[in-house]
Amino acid sequence: MDLDETQIEYVYPLMYKSLMLEVDAIDNGIEIAEDPKYAIKTGLSTRVGRLNPSFGGPNFDPNAQHIQFKKAMMIAEEELAWKLESLT
């Protein structure tokens, strides 16, 4: 998707508030509420985090990290594209 400068200026703060702020907060361990009643385990950070290989386990494959990283990139790209499309 090609955006002109005016569209980028419009979309940037919306994208930050609706996606990047969430990812950054989760990455930094900031809870969504002081006393959350439930945990969200289906979001982007969780889906990407599940791809991390178990280091040192009996089925550890040193090549798995690269493979899983590529999968994580595809998930993140899809989420980013979907969010951008929903804002434009």
Protein backbone atom coordinates (compact mmCIF):
# COMPACT_ATOMS: atom_id res chain seq x y z
CA MET A 1 0.00 0.00 0.00
CA ASP A 2 1.43 3.34 -1.01
CA LEU A 3 0.53 6.30 1.17
CA ASP A 4 1.26 9.93 0.47
CA GLU A 5 2.69 12.21 3.15
CA THR A 6 -0.73 13.51 4.25
CA GLN A 7 -2.05 9.98 4.68
CA ILE A 8 1.05 8.97 6.66
CA GLU A 9 0.64 11.96 8.97
CA TYR A 10 -2.99 10.91 9.54
CA VAL A 11 -2.31 7.19 10.02
CA TYR A 12 0.90 7.34 12.10
CA PRO A 13 -0.65 8.45 15.43
CA LEU A 14 -3.59 6.07 14.96
CA MET A 15 -1.26 3.16 14.24
CA TYR A 16 0.89 4.04 17.23
CA LYS A 17 -2.08 4.23 19.59
CA SER A 18 -3.89 1.14 18.28
CA LEU A 19 -0.94 -1.24 17.77
CA MET A 20 2.53 -0.05 18.74
CA LEU A 21 1.60 1.22 22.21
CA GLU A 22 0.06 -2.17 23.03
CA VAL A 23 3.06 -4.16 21.77
CA ASP A 24 5.49 -1.87 23.61
CA ALA A 25 3.53 -2.06 26.87
CA ILE A 26 3.33 -5.86 26.73
CA ASP A 27 7.02 -6.10 25.89
CA ASN A 28 7.84 -3.93 28.93
CA GLY A 29 5.57 -5.92 31.27
CA ILE A 30 3.02 -3.15 31.82
CA GLU A 31 -0.34 -4.55 32.89
CA ILE A 32 -3.49 -3.35 31.12
CA ALA A 33 -5.19 -2.81 34.50
CA GLU A 34 -4.12 -2.65 38.13
CA ASP A 35 -6.11 -5.77 39.00
CA PRO A 36 -6.91 -7.52 35.70
CA LYS A 37 -9.85 -9.90 35.79
CA TYR A 38 -8.44 -11.98 32.92
CA ALA A 39 -5.32 -12.29 30.79
CA ILE A 40 -5.22 -11.78 27.05
CA LYS A 41 -3.32 -14.69 25.52
CA THR A 42 -4.34 -14.37 21.88
CA GLY A 43 -2.74 -11.06 20.91
CA LEU A 44 0.17 -10.40 18.59
CA SER A 45 2.82 -10.58 21.33
CA THR A 46 1.54 -13.94 22.55
CA ARG A 47 1.27 -15.41 19.05
CA VAL A 48 4.83 -14.33 18.24
CA GLY A 49 6.12 -15.41 21.67
CA ARG A 50 4.79 -18.94 21.19
CA LEU A 51 7.21 -19.35 18.31
CA ASN A 52 10.27 -19.08 20.57
CA PRO A 53 12.12 -22.40 20.63
CA SER A 54 12.85 -24.17 23.93
CA PHE A 55 16.59 -23.82 24.42
CA GLY A 56 18.48 -26.81 25.71
CA GLY A 57 15.56 -29.25 25.59
CA PRO A 58 15.84 -32.71 24.07
CA ASN A 59 14.27 -31.53 20.80
CA PHE A 60 16.32 -28.32 20.55
CA ASP A 61 17.27 -27.50 16.97
CA PRO A 62 19.71 -24.61 16.50
CA ASN A 63 18.12 -23.89 13.10
CA ALA A 64 14.66 -23.57 14.65
CA GLN A 65 15.29 -20.02 15.86
CA HIS A 66 15.80 -18.77 12.30
CA ILE A 67 12.78 -20.69 11.01
CA GLN A 68 10.57 -19.48 13.85
CA PHE A 69 11.78 -15.89 13.40
CA LYS A 70 10.64 -15.99 9.76
CA LYS A 71 7.21 -17.23 10.90
CA ALA A 72 7.05 -14.44 13.48
CA MET A 73 7.87 -11.88 10.81
CA MET A 74 4.99 -13.13 8.68
CA ILE A 75 2.55 -12.91 11.61
CA ALA A 76 3.71 -9.39 12.48
CA GLU A 77 3.55 -8.28 8.85
CA GLU A 78 0.01 -9.61 8.52
CA GLU A 79 -1.08 -7.82 11.71
CA LEU A 80 0.56 -4.57 10.63
CA ALA A 81 -1.04 -4.72 7.17
CA TRP A 82 -4.46 -5.55 8.60
CA LYS A 83 -4.25 -2.68 11.10
CA LEU A 84 -3.07 -0.23 8.43
CA GLU A 85 -5.84 -1.29 6.07
CA SER A 86 -8.45 -0.82 8.80
CA LEU A 87 -7.23 2.74 9.46
CA THR A 88 -7.15 3.96 5.85
